[in-house]
Amino acid sequence: MGLAIHVYNSDNPQQKMDMDRLDWKRHWVLVSIFSVFIGLLGSVSSIGILRYKKWAWRLLLTLLSVLLVVNLVLYFGEIYSYEFERTTYIEVVVYFFLTGISWLFYINKKLNNQLK
């Protein structure tokens, strides 16, 4: 974490003095917890999909849709305090692609009654 603080502050020495380390740590911990939670939900969904469970597709679609909306809000609203919270154009495109492909696959499977 110290290296990440150094990298973030290396461009502007004044910013290094002004930064509140507790606030930075709180943001870092919250983003990390959110990332781990999303990863666990994705893993549960993947296991369910491998076992042909209908709820797993719904969980995956909900997860990807929420992530797409969150990333769109962060990207267009530019709502971030630190650089590691910033969403890039590539992330938005990747989430849009993954969400679209997943929805198309789910609709195709549902129309063909292949989901249990």
PDB file of N, CA and C in Angstrom:
ATOM      1  N   MET A   1       0.825  -1.174   0.000  1.00  0.00           N
ATOM      2  CA  MET A   1       0.000   0.000   0.000  1.00  0.00           C
ATOM      3  C   MET A   1       0.878   1.249   0.000  1.00  0.00           C
ATOM      4  N   GLY A   2       1.996   1.203   0.662  1.00  0.00           N
ATOM      5  CA  GLY A   2       2.900   2.348   0.682  1.00  0.00           C
ATOM      6  C   GLY A   2       3.407   2.685  -0.707  1.00  0.00           C
ATOM      7  N   LEU A   3       3.685   1.658  -1.523  1.00  0.00           N
ATOM      8  CA  LEU A   3       4.139   1.889  -2.888  1.00  0.00           C
ATOM      9  C   LEU A   3       3.047   2.584  -3.698  1.00  0.00           C
ATOM     10  N   ALA A   4       1.789   2.157  -3.501  1.00  0.00           N
ATOM     11  CA  ALA A   4       0.680   2.781  -4.226  1.00  0.00           C
ATOM     12  C   ALA A   4       0.521   4.242  -3.823  1.00  0.00           C
ATOM     13  N   ILE A   5       0.721   4.561  -2.550  1.00  0.00           N
ATOM     14  CA  ILE A   5       0.654   5.952  -2.103  1.00  0.00           C
ATOM     15  C   ILE A   5       1.775   6.741  -2.758  1.00  0.00           C
ATOM     16  N   HIS A   6       2.968   6.172  -2.818  1.00  0.00           N
ATOM     17  CA  HIS A   6       4.114   6.860  -3.419  1.00  0.00           C
ATOM     18  C   HIS A   6       3.871   7.103  -4.910  1.00  0.00           C
ATOM     19  N   VAL A   7       3.372   6.100  -5.614  1.00  0.00           N
ATOM     20  CA  VAL A   7       3.124   6.235  -7.044  1.00  0.00           C
ATOM     21  C   VAL A   7       2.059   7.299  -7.290  1.00  0.00           C
ATOM     22  N   TYR A   8       1.031   7.316  -6.469  1.00  0.00           N
ATOM     23  CA  TYR A   8      -0.049   8.284  -6.652  1.00  0.00           C
ATOM     24  C   TYR A   8       0.459   9.707  -6.443  1.00  0.00           C
ATOM     25  N   ASN A   9       1.352   9.894  -5.509  1.00  0.00           N
ATOM     26  CA  ASN A   9       1.799  11.233  -5.141  1.00  0.00           C
ATOM     27  C   ASN A   9       3.103  11.659  -5.806  1.00  0.00           C
ATOM     28  N   SER A  10       3.675  10.828  -6.638  1.00  0.00           N
ATOM     29  CA  SER A  10       4.991  11.142  -7.173  1.00  0.00           C
ATOM     30  C   SER A  10       4.977  12.332  -8.123  1.00  0.00           C
ATOM     31  N   ASP A  11       3.845  12.653  -8.750  1.00  0.00           N
ATOM     32  CA  ASP A  11       3.797  13.742  -9.725  1.00  0.00           C
ATOM     33  C   ASP A  11       3.757  15.127  -9.069  1.00  0.00           C
ATOM     34  N   ASN A  12       3.083  15.247  -7.966  1.00  0.00           N
ATOM     35  CA  ASN A  12       2.870  16.557  -7.352  1.00  0.00           C
ATOM     36  C   ASN A  12       3.292  16.524  -5.887  1.00  0.00           C
ATOM     37  N   PRO A  13       4.425  17.136  -5.521  1.00  0.00           N
ATOM     38  CA  PRO A  13       4.886  17.099  -4.134  1.00  0.00           C
ATOM     39  C   PRO A  13       3.930  17.797  -3.171  1.00  0.00           C
ATOM     40  N   GLN A  14       3.233  18.836  -3.646  1.00  0.00           N
ATOM     41  CA  GLN A  14       2.278  19.529  -2.776  1.00  0.00           C
ATOM     42  C   GLN A  14       1.116  18.599  -2.414  1.00  0.00           C
ATOM     43  N   GLN A  15       0.702  17.785  -3.364  1.00  0.00           N
ATOM     44  CA  GLN A  15      -0.388  16.851  -3.129  1.00  0.00           C
ATOM     45  C   GLN A  15       0.011  15.832  -2.054  1.00  0.00           C
ATOM     46  N   LYS A  16       1.282  15.489  -2.011  1.00  0.00           N
ATOM     47  CA  LYS A  16       1.765  14.535  -1.024  1.00  0.00           C
ATOM     48  C   LYS A  16       1.572  15.080   0.385  1.00  0.00           C
ATOM     49  N   MET A  17       1.785  16.362   0.567  1.00  0.00           N
ATOM     50  CA  MET A  17       1.622  16.960   1.888  1.00  0.00           C
ATOM     51  C   MET A  17       0.145  17.100   2.261  1.00  0.00           C
ATOM     52  N   ASP A  18      -0.701  17.352   1.272  1.00  0.00           N
ATOM     53  CA  ASP A  18      -2.112  17.614   1.532  1.00  0.00           C
ATOM     54  C   ASP A  18      -2.945  16.345   1.720  1.00  0.00           C
ATOM     55  N   MET A  19      -2.411  15.218   1.309  1.00  0.00           N
ATOM     56  CA  MET A  19      -3.211  13.999   1.321  1.00  0.00           C
ATOM     57  C   MET A  19      -3.480  13.487   2.728  1.00  0.00           C
ATOM     58  N   ASP A  20      -4.705  13.165   2.978  1.00  0.00           N
ATOM     59  CA  ASP A  20      -5.083  12.586   4.253  1.00  0.00           C
ATOM     60  C   ASP A  20      -4.946  11.071   4.139  1.00  0.00           C
ATOM     61  N   ARG A  21      -3.959  10.521   4.834  1.00  0.00           N
ATOM     62  CA  ARG A  21      -3.684   9.088   4.701  1.00  0.00           C
ATOM     63  C   ARG A  21      -4.824   8.206   5.203  1.00  0.00           C
ATOM     64  N   LEU A  22      -5.537   8.633   6.203  1.00  0.00           N
ATOM     65  CA  LEU A  22      -6.660   7.832   6.700  1.00  0.00           C
ATOM     66  C   LEU A  22      -7.781   7.770   5.672  1.00  0.00           C
ATOM     67  N   ASP A  23      -8.043   8.890   5.016  1.00  0.00           N
ATOM     68  CA  ASP A  23      -9.069   8.909   3.974  1.00  0.00           C
ATOM     69  C   ASP A  23      -8.661   8.018   2.811  1.00  0.00           C
ATOM     70  N   TRP A  24      -7.380   8.096   2.423  1.00  0.00           N
ATOM     71  CA  TRP A  24      -6.889   7.258   1.340  1.00  0.00           C
ATOM     72  C   TRP A  24      -7.021   5.789   1.704  1.00  0.00           C
ATOM     73  N   LYS A  25      -6.652   5.431   2.929  1.00  0.00           N
ATOM     74  CA  LYS A  25      -6.726   4.036   3.365  1.00  0.00           C
ATOM     75  C   LYS A  25      -8.179   3.555   3.400  1.00  0.00           C
ATOM     76  N   ARG A  26      -9.079   4.421   3.851  1.00  0.00           N
ATOM     77  CA  ARG A  26     -10.501   4.051   3.891  1.00  0.00           C
ATOM     78  C   ARG A  26     -11.011   3.774   2.471  1.00  0.00           C
ATOM     79  N   HIS A  27     -10.666   4.628   1.522  1.00  0.00           N
ATOM     80  CA  HIS A  27     -11.076   4.405   0.134  1.00  0.00           C
ATOM     81  C   HIS A  27     -10.477   3.115  -0.417  1.00  0.00           C
ATOM     82  N   TRP A  28      -9.200   2.888  -0.115  1.00  0.00           N
ATOM     83  CA  TRP A  28      -8.514   1.688  -0.592  1.00  0.00           C
ATOM     84  C   TRP A  28      -9.189   0.425  -0.043  1.00  0.00           C
ATOM     85  N   VAL A  29      -9.509   0.419   1.242  1.00  0.00           N
ATOM     86  CA  VAL A  29     -10.139  -0.745   1.868  1.00  0.00           C
ATOM     87  C   VAL A  29     -11.541  -0.976   1.292  1.00  0.00           C
ATOM     88  N   LEU A  30     -12.320   0.087   1.123  1.00  0.00           N
ATOM     89  CA  LEU A  30     -13.676  -0.064   0.581  1.00  0.00           C
ATOM     90  C   LEU A  30     -13.660  -0.586  -0.851  1.00  0.00           C
ATOM     91  N   VAL A  31     -12.766  -0.076  -1.667  1.00  0.00           N
ATOM     92  CA  VAL A  31     -12.656  -0.556  -3.048  1.00  0.00           C
ATOM     93  C   VAL A  31     -12.201  -2.012  -3.063  1.00  0.00           C
ATOM     94  N   SER A  32     -11.285  -2.372  -2.192  1.00  0.00           N
ATOM     95  CA  SER A  32     -10.805  -3.757  -2.110  1.00  0.00           C
ATOM     96  C   SER A  32     -11.909  -4.707  -1.672  1.00  0.00           C
ATOM     97  N   ILE A  33     -12.670  -4.316  -0.652  1.00  0.00           N
ATOM     98  CA  ILE A  33     -13.778  -5.158  -0.176  1.00  0.00           C
ATOM     99  C   ILE A  33     -14.817  -5.328  -1.276  1.00  0.00           C
ATOM    100  N   PHE A  34     -15.157  -4.241  -1.975  1.00  0.00           N
ATOM    101  CA  PHE A  34     -16.113  -4.309  -3.080  1.00  0.00           C
ATOM    102  C   PHE A  34     -15.605  -5.250  -4.172  1.00  0.00           C
ATOM    103  N   SER A  35     -14.327  -5.169  -4.504  1.00  0.00           N
ATOM    104  CA  SER A  35     -13.752  -6.021  -5.547  1.00  0.00           C
ATOM    105  C   SER A  35     -13.782  -7.499  -5.148  1.00  0.00           C
ATOM    106  N   VAL A  36     -13.457  -7.792  -3.901  1.00  0.00           N
ATOM    107  CA  VAL A  36     -13.488  -9.179  -3.419  1.00  0.00           C
ATOM    108  C   VAL A  36     -14.923  -9.712  -3.422  1.00  0.00           C
ATOM    109  N   PHE A  37     -15.872  -8.900  -2.977  1.00  0.00           N
ATOM    110  CA  PHE A  37     -17.279  -9.307  -2.957  1.00  0.00           C
ATOM    111  C   PHE A  37     -17.779  -9.611  -4.368  1.00  0.00           C
ATOM    112  N   ILE A  38     -17.464  -8.751  -5.317  1.00  0.00           N
ATOM    113  CA  ILE A  38     -17.870  -8.969  -6.708  1.00  0.00           C
ATOM    114  C   ILE A  38     -17.207 -10.230  -7.259  1.00  0.00           C
ATOM    115  N   GLY A  39     -15.950 -10.436  -6.930  1.00  0.00           N
ATOM    116  CA  GLY A  39     -15.250 -11.638  -7.368  1.00  0.00           C
ATOM    117  C   GLY A  39     -15.865 -12.914  -6.817  1.00  0.00           C
ATOM    118  N   LEU A  40     -16.266 -12.877  -5.548  1.00  0.00           N
ATOM    119  CA  LEU A  40     -16.921 -14.044  -4.946  1.00  0.00           C
ATOM    120  C   LEU A  40     -18.270 -14.321  -5.600  1.00  0.00           C
ATOM    121  N   LEU A  41     -19.046 -13.276  -5.856  1.00  0.00           N
ATOM    122  CA  LEU A  41     -20.329 -13.465  -6.540  1.00  0.00           C
ATOM    123  C   LEU A  41     -20.124 -14.026  -7.947  1.00  0.00           C
ATOM    124  N   GLY A  42     -19.094 -13.550  -8.633  1.00  0.00           N
ATOM    125  CA  GLY A  42     -18.782 -14.078  -9.955  1.00  0.00           C
ATOM    126  C   GLY A  42     -18.375 -15.541  -9.907  1.00  0.00           C
ATOM    127  N   SER A  43     -17.636 -15.921  -8.885  1.00  0.00           N
ATOM    128  CA  SER A  43     -17.223 -17.319  -8.723  1.00  0.00           C
ATOM    129  C   SER A  43     -18.423 -18.219  -8.436  1.00  0.00           C
ATOM    130  N   VAL A  44     -19.299 -17.758  -7.556  1.00  0.00           N
ATOM    131  CA  VAL A  44     -20.518 -18.530  -7.246  1.00  0.00           C
ATOM    132  C   VAL A  44     -21.362 -18.689  -8.506  1.00  0.00           C
ATOM    133  N   SER A  45     -21.486 -17.621  -9.257  1.00  0.00           N
ATOM    134  CA  SER A  45     -22.244 -17.671 -10.508  1.00  0.00           C
ATOM    135  C   SER A  45     -21.611 -18.646 -11.503  1.00  0.00           C
ATOM    136  N   SER A  46     -20.304 -18.621 -11.619  1.00  0.00           N
ATOM    137  CA  SER A  46     -19.608 -19.520 -12.550  1.00  0.00           C
ATOM    138  C   SER A  46     -19.808 -20.981 -12.175  1.00  0.00           C
ATOM    139  N   ILE A  47     -19.733 -21.279 -10.893  1.00  0.00           N
ATOM    140  CA  ILE A  47     -19.955 -22.657 -10.443  1.00  0.00           C
ATOM    141  C   ILE A  47     -21.383 -23.088 -10.754  1.00  0.00           C
ATOM    142  N   GLY A  48     -22.339 -22.182 -10.516  1.00  0.00           N
ATOM    143  CA  GLY A  48     -23.733 -22.489 -10.840  1.00  0.00           C
ATOM    144  C   GLY A  48     -23.956 -22.700 -12.327  1.00  0.00           C
ATOM    145  N   ILE A  49     -23.288 -21.907 -13.155  1.00  0.00           N
ATOM    146  CA  ILE A  49     -23.438 -22.065 -14.607  1.00  0.00           C
ATOM    147  C   ILE A  49     -22.881 -23.418 -15.053  1.00  0.00           C
ATOM    148  N   LEU A  50     -21.763 -23.821 -14.471  1.00  0.00           N
ATOM    149  CA  LEU A  50     -21.191 -25.129 -14.814  1.00  0.00           C
ATOM    150  C   LEU A  50     -22.108 -26.275 -14.395  1.00  0.00           C
ATOM    151  N   ARG A  51     -22.964 -26.022 -13.411  1.00  0.00           N
ATOM    152  CA  ARG A  51     -23.928 -27.041 -12.958  1.00  0.00           C
ATOM    153  C   ARG A  51     -25.309 -26.845 -13.587  1.00  0.00           C
ATOM    154  N   TYR A  52     -25.389 -25.965 -14.589  1.00  0.00           N
ATOM    155  CA  TYR A  52     -26.621 -25.705 -15.345  1.00  0.00           C
ATOM    156  C   TYR A  52     -27.773 -25.215 -14.475  1.00  0.00           C
ATOM    157  N   LYS A  53     -27.499 -24.294 -13.596  1.00  0.00           N
ATOM    158  CA  LYS A  53     -28.528 -23.707 -12.734  1.00  0.00           C
ATOM    159  C   LYS A  53     -29.018 -22.394 -13.339  1.00  0.00           C
ATOM    160  N   LYS A  54     -30.346 -22.209 -13.370  1.00  0.00           N
ATOM    161  CA  LYS A  54     -30.927 -21.001 -13.937  1.00  0.00           C
ATOM    162  C   LYS A  54     -30.597 -19.768 -13.095  1.00  0.00           C
ATOM    163  N   TRP A  55     -30.562 -19.931 -11.782  1.00  0.00           N
ATOM    164  CA  TRP A  55     -30.271 -18.796 -10.907  1.00  0.00           C
ATOM    165  C   TRP A  55     -28.878 -18.238 -11.143  1.00  0.00           C
ATOM    166  N   ALA A  56     -27.963 -19.090 -11.606  1.00  0.00           N
ATOM    167  CA  ALA A  56     -26.591 -18.647 -11.835  1.00  0.00           C
ATOM    168  C   ALA A  56     -26.527 -17.637 -12.978  1.00  0.00           C
ATOM    169  N   TRP A  57     -27.297 -17.884 -14.031  1.00  0.00           N
ATOM    170  CA  TRP A  57     -27.339 -16.920 -15.138  1.00  0.00           C
ATOM    171  C   TRP A  57     -27.933 -15.598 -14.677  1.00  0.00           C
ATOM    172  N   ARG A  58     -28.984 -15.689 -13.859  1.00  0.00           N
ATOM    173  CA  ARG A  58     -29.596 -14.452 -13.352  1.00  0.00           C
ATOM    174  C   ARG A  58     -28.622 -13.681 -12.465  1.00  0.00           C
ATOM    175  N   LEU A  59     -27.864 -14.388 -11.644  1.00  0.00           N
ATOM    176  CA  LEU A  59     -26.874 -13.741 -10.799  1.00  0.00           C
ATOM    177  C   LEU A  59     -25.786 -13.080 -11.646  1.00  0.00           C
ATOM    178  N   LEU A  60     -25.297 -13.787 -12.657  1.00  0.00           N
ATOM    179  CA  LEU A  60     -24.267 -13.232 -13.535  1.00  0.00           C
ATOM    180  C   LEU A  60     -24.779 -11.997 -14.274  1.00  0.00           C
ATOM    181  N   LEU A  61     -25.989 -12.079 -14.811  1.00  0.00           N
ATOM    182  CA  LEU A  61     -26.552 -10.941 -15.546  1.00  0.00           C
ATOM    183  C   LEU A  61     -26.778  -9.745 -14.629  1.00  0.00           C
ATOM    184  N   THR A  62     -27.258  -9.992 -13.431  1.00  0.00           N
ATOM    185  CA  THR A  62     -27.452  -8.908 -12.462  1.00  0.00           C
ATOM    186  C   THR A  62     -26.109  -8.287 -12.104  1.00  0.00           C
ATOM    187  N   LEU A  63     -25.133  -9.120 -11.822  1.00  0.00           N
ATOM    188  CA  LEU A  63     -23.798  -8.652 -11.452  1.00  0.00           C
ATOM    189  C   LEU A  63     -23.176  -7.797 -12.565  1.00  0.00           C
ATOM    190  N   LEU A  64     -23.201  -8.299 -13.790  1.00  0.00           N
ATOM    191  CA  LEU A  64     -22.616  -7.556 -14.908  1.00  0.00           C
ATOM    192  C   LEU A  64     -23.385  -6.272 -15.199  1.00  0.00           C
ATOM    193  N   SER A  65     -24.712  -6.326 -15.084  1.00  0.00           N
ATOM    194  CA  SER A  65     -25.514  -5.123 -15.332  1.00  0.00           C
ATOM    195  C   SER A  65     -25.239  -4.047 -14.293  1.00  0.00           C
ATOM    196  N   VAL A  66     -25.133  -4.447 -13.027  1.00  0.00           N
ATOM    197  CA  VAL A  66     -24.820  -3.490 -11.962  1.00  0.00           C
ATOM    198  C   VAL A  66     -23.422  -2.910 -12.163  1.00  0.00           C
ATOM    199  N   LEU A  67     -22.466  -3.756 -12.497  1.00  0.00           N
ATOM    200  CA  LEU A  67     -21.101  -3.268 -12.745  1.00  0.00           C
ATOM    201  C   LEU A  67     -21.041  -2.310 -13.931  1.00  0.00           C
ATOM    202  N   LEU A  68     -21.821  -2.591 -14.970  1.00  0.00           N
ATOM    203  CA  LEU A  68     -21.861  -1.695 -16.119  1.00  0.00           C
ATOM    204  C   LEU A  68     -22.426  -0.336 -15.720  1.00  0.00           C
ATOM    205  N   VAL A  69     -23.528  -0.331 -14.980  1.00  0.00           N
ATOM    206  CA  VAL A  69     -24.137   0.935 -14.551  1.00  0.00           C
ATOM    207  C   VAL A  69     -23.189   1.704 -13.632  1.00  0.00           C
ATOM    208  N   VAL A  70     -22.567   1.019 -12.680  1.00  0.00           N
ATOM    209  CA  VAL A  70     -21.623   1.679 -11.762  1.00  0.00           C
ATOM    210  C   VAL A  70     -20.467   2.293 -12.550  1.00  0.00           C
ATOM    211  N   ASN A  71     -19.923   1.552 -13.507  1.00  0.00           N
ATOM    212  CA  ASN A  71     -18.807   2.070 -14.297  1.00  0.00           C
ATOM    213  C   ASN A  71     -19.231   3.224 -15.202  1.00  0.00           C
ATOM    214  N   LEU A  72     -20.437   3.181 -15.747  1.00  0.00           N
ATOM    215  CA  LEU A  72     -20.924   4.300 -16.548  1.00  0.00           C
ATOM    216  C   LEU A  72     -21.074   5.560 -15.701  1.00  0.00           C
ATOM    217  N   VAL A  73     -21.632   5.400 -14.500  1.00  0.00           N
ATOM    218  CA  VAL A  73     -21.794   6.546 -13.599  1.00  0.00           C
ATOM    219  C   VAL A  73     -20.433   7.105 -13.203  1.00  0.00           C
ATOM    220  N   LEU A  74     -19.495   6.233 -12.856  1.00  0.00           N
ATOM    221  CA  LEU A  74     -18.159   6.692 -12.475  1.00  0.00           C
ATOM    222  C   LEU A  74     -17.431   7.353 -13.635  1.00  0.00           C
ATOM    223  N   TYR A  75     -17.601   6.806 -14.836  1.00  0.00           N
ATOM    224  CA  TYR A  75     -16.881   7.350 -15.995  1.00  0.00           C
ATOM    225  C   TYR A  75     -17.445   8.710 -16.412  1.00  0.00           C
ATOM    226  N   PHE A  76     -18.760   8.775 -16.608  1.00  0.00           N
ATOM    227  CA  PHE A  76     -19.349  10.013 -17.094  1.00  0.00           C
ATOM    228  C   PHE A  76     -19.502  11.059 -15.995  1.00  0.00           C
ATOM    229  N   GLY A  77     -19.657  10.616 -14.752  1.00  0.00           N
ATOM    230  CA  GLY A  77     -19.778  11.555 -13.646  1.00  0.00           C
ATOM    231  C   GLY A  77     -18.443  11.994 -13.078  1.00  0.00           C
ATOM    232  N   GLU A  78     -17.386  11.291 -13.473  1.00  0.00           N
ATOM    233  CA  GLU A  78     -16.037  11.551 -12.949  1.00  0.00           C
ATOM    234  C   GLU A  78     -16.054  11.649 -11.427  1.00  0.00           C
ATOM    235  N   ILE A  79     -16.678  10.657 -10.816  1.00  0.00           N
ATOM    236  CA  ILE A  79     -16.808  10.611  -9.364  1.00  0.00           C
ATOM    237  C   ILE A  79     -15.708   9.710  -8.807  1.00  0.00           C
ATOM    238  N   TYR A  80     -14.622  10.306  -8.416  1.00  0.00           N
ATOM    239  CA  TYR A  80     -13.555   9.555  -7.764  1.00  0.00           C
ATOM    240  C   TYR A  80     -12.679  10.536  -7.002  1.00  0.00           C
ATOM    241  N   SER A  81     -12.137  10.035  -5.914  1.00  0.00           N
ATOM    242  CA  SER A  81     -11.253  10.862  -5.095  1.00  0.00           C
ATOM    243  C   SER A  81      -9.784  10.574  -5.389  1.00  0.00           C
ATOM    244  N   TYR A  82      -9.494   9.325  -5.717  1.00  0.00           N
ATOM    245  CA  TYR A  82      -8.117   8.909  -5.952  1.00  0.00           C
ATOM    246  C   TYR A  82      -8.029   8.195  -7.293  1.00  0.00           C
ATOM    247  N   GLU A  83      -6.842   8.132  -7.830  1.00  0.00           N
ATOM    248  CA  GLU A  83      -6.637   7.597  -9.169  1.00  0.00           C
ATOM    249  C   GLU A  83      -7.050   6.122  -9.281  1.00  0.00           C
ATOM    250  N   PHE A  84      -6.867   5.335  -8.231  1.00  0.00           N
ATOM    251  CA  PHE A  84      -7.214   3.915  -8.319  1.00  0.00           C
ATOM    252  C   PHE A  84      -8.721   3.692  -8.390  1.00  0.00           C
ATOM    253  N   GLU A  85      -9.524   4.704  -8.112  1.00  0.00           N
ATOM    254  CA  GLU A  85     -10.973   4.600  -8.198  1.00  0.00           C
ATOM    255  C   GLU A  85     -11.497   5.008  -9.571  1.00  0.00           C
ATOM    256  N   ARG A  86     -10.640   5.567 -10.407  1.00  0.00           N
ATOM    257  CA  ARG A  86     -11.054   6.096 -11.705  1.00  0.00           C
ATOM    258  C   ARG A  86     -11.391   4.973 -12.672  1.00  0.00           C
ATOM    259  N   THR A  87     -12.465   5.153 -13.432  1.00  0.00           N
ATOM    260  CA  THR A  87     -12.868   4.196 -14.455  1.00  0.00           C
ATOM    261  C   THR A  87     -12.413   4.721 -15.809  1.00  0.00           C
ATOM    262  N   THR A  88     -11.828   3.841 -16.606  1.00  0.00           N
ATOM    263  CA  THR A  88     -11.344   4.247 -17.921  1.00  0.00           C
ATOM    264  C   THR A  88     -12.342   3.843 -19.007  1.00  0.00           C
ATOM    265  N   TYR A  89     -12.132   4.399 -20.182  1.00  0.00           N
ATOM    266  CA  TYR A  89     -12.973   4.102 -21.337  1.00  0.00           C
ATOM    267  C   TYR A  89     -12.942   2.600 -21.663  1.00  0.00           C
ATOM    268  N   ILE A  90     -11.774   2.000 -21.573  1.00  0.00           N
ATOM    269  CA  ILE A  90     -11.619   0.571 -21.880  1.00  0.00           C
ATOM    270  C   ILE A  90     -12.454  -0.281 -20.931  1.00  0.00           C
ATOM    271  N   GLU A  91     -12.466   0.047 -19.643  1.00  0.00           N
ATOM    272  CA  GLU A  91     -13.269  -0.709 -18.680  1.00  0.00           C
ATOM    273  C   GLU A  91     -14.753  -0.642 -19.017  1.00  0.00           C
ATOM    274  N   VAL A  92     -15.224   0.533 -19.396  1.00  0.00           N
ATOM    275  CA  VAL A  92     -16.631   0.688 -19.768  1.00  0.00           C
ATOM    276  C   VAL A  92     -16.951  -0.156 -20.999  1.00  0.00           C
ATOM    277  N   VAL A  93     -16.070  -0.146 -21.994  1.00  0.00           N
ATOM    278  CA  VAL A  93     -16.281  -0.924 -23.210  1.00  0.00           C
ATOM    279  C   VAL A  93     -16.283  -2.422 -22.891  1.00  0.00           C
ATOM    280  N   VAL A  94     -15.362  -2.868 -22.053  1.00  0.00           N
ATOM    281  CA  VAL A  94     -15.286  -4.288 -21.696  1.00  0.00           C
ATOM    282  C   VAL A  94     -16.548  -4.719 -20.952  1.00  0.00           C
ATOM    283  N   TYR A  95     -16.996  -3.931 -19.976  1.00  0.00           N
ATOM    284  CA  TYR A  95     -18.228  -4.276 -19.256  1.00  0.00           C
ATOM    285  C   TYR A  95     -19.435  -4.258 -20.186  1.00  0.00           C
ATOM    286  N   PHE A  96     -19.501  -3.294 -21.094  1.00  0.00           N
ATOM    287  CA  PHE A  96     -20.600  -3.236 -22.047  1.00  0.00           C
ATOM    288  C   PHE A  96     -20.609  -4.483 -22.931  1.00  0.00           C
ATOM    289  N   PHE A  97     -19.433  -4.879 -23.410  1.00  0.00           N
ATOM    290  CA  PHE A  97     -19.315  -6.068 -24.256  1.00  0.00           C
ATOM    291  C   PHE A  97     -19.708  -7.335 -23.495  1.00  0.00           C
ATOM    292  N   LEU A  98     -19.148  -7.516 -22.293  1.00  0.00           N
ATOM    293  CA  LEU A  98     -19.462  -8.712 -21.499  1.00  0.00           C
ATOM    294  C   LEU A  98     -20.938  -8.784 -21.130  1.00  0.00           C
ATOM    295  N   THR A  99     -21.514  -7.654 -20.748  1.00  0.00           N
ATOM    296  CA  THR A  99     -22.931  -7.627 -20.382  1.00  0.00           C
ATOM    297  C   THR A  99     -23.799  -7.936 -21.599  1.00  0.00           C
ATOM    298  N   GLY A 100     -23.496  -7.326 -22.731  1.00  0.00           N
ATOM    299  CA  GLY A 100     -24.275  -7.570 -23.942  1.00  0.00           C
ATOM    300  C   GLY A 100     -24.206  -9.014 -24.400  1.00  0.00           C
ATOM    301  N   ILE A 101     -23.012  -9.572 -24.424  1.00  0.00           N
ATOM    302  CA  ILE A 101     -22.842 -10.974 -24.832  1.00  0.00           C
ATOM    303  C   ILE A 101     -23.581 -11.914 -23.872  1.00  0.00           C
ATOM    304  N   SER A 102     -23.492 -11.640 -22.583  1.00  0.00           N
ATOM    305  CA  SER A 102     -24.158 -12.492 -21.596  1.00  0.00           C
ATOM    306  C   SER A 102     -25.677 -12.426 -21.740  1.00  0.00           C
ATOM    307  N   TRP A 103     -26.206 -11.225 -21.944  1.00  0.00           N
ATOM    308  CA  TRP A 103     -27.656 -11.088 -22.133  1.00  0.00           C
ATOM    309  C   TRP A 103     -28.102 -11.802 -23.406  1.00  0.00           C
ATOM    310  N   LEU A 104     -27.362 -11.655 -24.498  1.00  0.00           N
ATOM    311  CA  LEU A 104     -27.724 -12.333 -25.742  1.00  0.00           C
ATOM    312  C   LEU A 104     -27.691 -13.849 -25.581  1.00  0.00           C
ATOM    313  N   PHE A 105     -26.662 -14.354 -24.910  1.00  0.00           N
ATOM    314  CA  PHE A 105     -26.550 -15.788 -24.680  1.00  0.00           C
ATOM    315  C   PHE A 105     -27.706 -16.293 -23.817  1.00  0.00           C
ATOM    316  N   TYR A 106     -28.043 -15.551 -22.761  1.00  0.00           N
ATOM    317  CA  TYR A 106     -29.140 -15.937 -21.871  1.00  0.00           C
ATOM    318  C   TYR A 106     -30.470 -15.943 -22.627  1.00  0.00           C
ATOM    319  N   ILE A 107     -30.732 -14.905 -23.402  1.00  0.00           N
ATOM    320  CA  ILE A 107     -31.995 -14.834 -24.157  1.00  0.00           C
ATOM    321  C   ILE A 107     -32.072 -15.965 -25.165  1.00  0.00           C
ATOM    322  N   ASN A 108     -30.972 -16.268 -25.834  1.00  0.00           N
ATOM    323  CA  ASN A 108     -30.941 -17.357 -26.799  1.00  0.00           C
ATOM    324  C   ASN A 108     -31.232 -18.698 -26.114  1.00  0.00           C
ATOM    325  N   LYS A 109     -30.594 -18.935 -24.969  1.00  0.00           N
ATOM    326  CA  LYS A 109     -30.824 -20.191 -24.241  1.00  0.00           C
ATOM    327  C   LYS A 109     -32.260 -20.273 -23.731  1.00  0.00           C
ATOM    328  N   LYS A 110     -32.792 -19.149 -23.251  1.00  0.00           N
ATOM    329  CA  LYS A 110     -34.151 -19.133 -22.720  1.00  0.00           C
ATOM    330  C   LYS A 110     -35.166 -19.380 -23.841  1.00  0.00           C
ATOM    331  N   LEU A 111     -34.950 -18.769 -25.005  1.00  0.00           N
ATOM    332  CA  LEU A 111     -35.858 -18.973 -26.128  1.00  0.00           C
ATOM    333  C   LEU A 111     -35.834 -20.415 -26.614  1.00  0.00           C
ATOM    334  N   ASN A 112     -34.695 -21.053 -26.513  1.00  0.00           N
ATOM    335  CA  ASN A 112     -34.588 -22.455 -26.935  1.00  0.00           C
ATOM    336  C   ASN A 112     -34.898 -23.416 -25.800  1.00  0.00           C
ATOM    337  N   ASN A 113     -35.358 -22.901 -24.642  1.00  0.00           N
ATOM    338  CA  ASN A 113     -35.721 -23.712 -23.475  1.00  0.00           C
ATOM    339  C   ASN A 113     -34.608 -24.660 -23.036  1.00  0.00           C
ATOM    340  N   GLN A 114     -33.390 -24.176 -23.085  1.00  0.00           N
ATOM    341  CA  GLN A 114     -32.251 -25.007 -22.669  1.00  0.00           C
ATOM    342  C   GLN A 114     -31.843 -24.765 -21.234  1.00  0.00           C
ATOM    343  N   LEU A 115     -32.447 -23.792 -20.589  1.00  0.00           N
ATOM    344  CA  LEU A 115     -32.128 -23.539 -19.168  1.00  0.00           C
ATOM    345  C   LEU A 115     -33.083 -24.344 -18.304  1.00  0.00           C
ATOM    346  N   LYS A 116     -32.532 -24.965 -17.287  1.00  0.00           N
ATOM    347  CA  LYS A 116     -33.347 -25.769 -16.372  1.00  0.00           C
ATOM    348  C   LYS A 116     -33.982 -24.894 -15.321  1.00  0.00           C
TER     349      LYS A 116
END
